[in-house]
Protein backbone atom coordinates (compact mmCIF):
# COMPACT_ATOMS: atom_id res chain seq x y z
CA GLN A 1 -3.19 -2.39 -19.14
CA VAL A 2 -3.05 -0.76 -15.74
CA GLN A 3 -0.30 1.51 -14.52
CA LEU A 4 0.36 2.19 -10.84
CA VAL A 5 2.49 5.08 -9.63
CA GLU A 6 3.49 5.19 -5.97
CA SER A 7 4.80 8.13 -4.01
CA GLY A 8 5.54 9.16 -0.46
CA GLY A 9 8.30 6.87 0.73
CA GLY A 10 11.42 8.08 2.46
CA LEU A 11 13.46 8.12 5.64
CA VAL A 12 11.78 8.71 8.99
CA GLN A 13 12.81 8.34 12.61
CA PRO A 14 11.21 5.72 14.86
CA GLY A 15 7.86 6.97 16.09
CA GLY A 16 7.40 9.16 13.06
CA SER A 17 4.79 9.12 10.31
CA LEU A 18 4.72 8.74 6.55
CA SER A 19 1.94 8.73 4.02
CA LEU A 20 2.03 6.66 0.84
CA SER A 21 -0.10 7.25 -2.22
CA CYS A 22 -0.75 5.15 -5.30
CA ALA A 23 -2.50 6.36 -8.44
CA ALA A 24 -3.96 3.92 -10.94
CA SER A 25 -4.49 4.67 -14.60
CA GLY A 26 -5.32 2.70 -17.69
CA ASN A 27 -8.11 0.85 -19.39
CA PHE A 28 -10.44 -0.14 -16.59
CA THR A 29 -13.74 0.89 -15.03
CA ASN A 30 -13.66 -0.22 -11.43
CA ILE A 31 -10.94 -1.66 -9.24
CA ASP A 32 -12.13 -4.33 -6.84
CA THR A 33 -9.39 -4.48 -4.24
CA MET A 34 -6.53 -2.06 -3.66
CA GLY A 35 -3.75 -2.75 -1.25
CA TRP A 36 -0.22 -2.33 -0.01
CA TYR A 37 2.38 -5.04 0.39
CA ARG A 38 5.95 -4.77 1.61
CA GLN A 39 9.15 -6.69 1.23
CA ALA A 40 12.09 -6.33 3.56
CA PRO A 41 15.58 -7.56 2.60
CA GLY A 42 15.79 -11.32 2.81
CA LYS A 43 12.08 -11.71 3.50
CA GLN A 44 9.01 -12.63 1.48
CA ARG A 45 6.59 -10.00 0.29
CA GLU A 46 3.73 -9.67 2.77
CA LEU A 47 0.35 -8.01 2.90
CA VAL A 48 0.28 -4.76 4.85
CA ALA A 49 -3.31 -3.68 4.24
CA ARG A 50 -6.01 -3.92 1.61
CA ILE A 51 -9.37 -2.28 0.99
CA SER A 52 -12.29 -3.46 -1.10
CA SER A 53 -14.51 -1.38 -3.33
CA SER A 54 -17.11 -1.41 -0.55
CA GLY A 55 -14.58 -0.07 1.94
CA SER A 56 -13.93 -3.17 3.99
CA THR A 57 -10.35 -3.41 5.16
CA LYS A 58 -7.83 -5.99 6.26
CA TYR A 59 -4.57 -5.29 8.06
CA ALA A 60 -1.54 -7.31 8.99
CA ASP A 61 -1.46 -7.86 12.75
CA SER A 62 1.88 -6.07 12.94
CA VAL A 63 0.41 -2.77 11.69
CA LYS A 64 -3.06 -2.79 13.27
CA GLY A 65 -3.71 0.42 15.16
CA ARG A 66 -0.78 2.19 13.51
CA PHE A 67 -1.54 2.13 9.77
CA THR A 68 -4.70 3.23 7.99
CA ILE A 69 -5.61 2.41 4.41
CA SER A 70 -8.10 4.45 2.41
CA ARG A 71 -9.14 5.04 -1.18
CA ASP A 72 -10.65 8.06 -2.89
CA SER A 73 -14.25 8.36 -4.06
CA ALA A 74 -13.31 7.74 -7.68
CA GLN A 75 -11.46 4.69 -6.39
CA LYS A 76 -8.47 5.19 -8.55
CA ARG A 77 -6.12 6.14 -5.71
CA VAL A 78 -5.19 4.30 -2.56
CA PHE A 79 -3.43 5.74 0.45
CA LEU A 80 -1.56 4.33 3.41
CA GLN A 81 -1.12 6.50 6.48
CA MET A 82 1.65 5.06 8.63
CA ASN A 83 2.03 6.28 12.21
CA SER A 84 4.25 5.20 15.08
CA LEU A 85 6.70 3.73 12.64
CA LYS A 86 9.19 1.14 13.86
CA PRO A 87 12.53 0.02 12.42
CA GLU A 88 10.90 -3.28 11.50
CA ASP A 89 8.57 -1.40 9.15
CA THR A 90 11.57 -0.74 6.92
CA ALA A 91 10.86 -2.27 3.51
CA VAL A 92 9.97 -1.58 -0.07
CA TYR A 93 6.24 -0.93 -0.18
CA TYR A 94 4.28 -2.02 -3.25
CA CYS A 95 0.86 -0.93 -4.39
CA ASN A 96 -1.40 -3.70 -5.69
CA VAL A 97 -4.78 -3.69 -7.42
CA TYR A 98 -6.96 -6.70 -8.16
CA PHE A 99 -9.75 -7.21 -10.67
CA TYR A 100 -12.10 -10.08 -9.80
CA ALA A 101 -13.61 -10.42 -13.28
CA ALA A 102 -10.23 -10.62 -14.98
CA VAL A 103 -8.75 -12.70 -12.15
CA ARG A 104 -5.53 -10.76 -12.23
CA ASP A 105 -3.66 -8.10 -10.40
CA TYR A 106 -1.10 -5.41 -11.09
CA TRP A 107 1.86 -4.12 -9.08
CA GLY A 108 3.51 -0.76 -8.70
CA GLN A 109 7.25 -0.29 -8.93
CA GLY A 110 7.67 0.02 -5.17
CA THR A 111 8.72 2.82 -2.86
CA GLN A 112 11.35 2.56 -0.14
CA VAL A 113 10.39 3.25 3.46
CA THR A 114 13.27 3.39 5.93
CA VAL A 115 12.72 3.83 9.66
CA SER A 116 15.96 4.64 11.38
CA SER A 117 17.47 7.05 13.84
């Protein structure tokens, strides 16, 4: 089993910044892909950004140039630095990790990000 604990959400004004963090624990050796997804009310969950074990990244077009994903050297934590936040970034943000060998992923409980004046 893998447990994911997210932190860092909250309320921020438009143009502001927030940093999200996700810590993974459990019975595993290496995590292949770590990422962040979000789900706004009435919308489907969507990919925000993901990072592979080699460091390659993928971002949603809507966040390119504003958000940065990273992971620590032990690769058990993933971070999302969010700058120039917009009201449309308001959503519940979920941490996700994927294991290629097991062909399965795990989700965090989600953290609310609200961008409003």
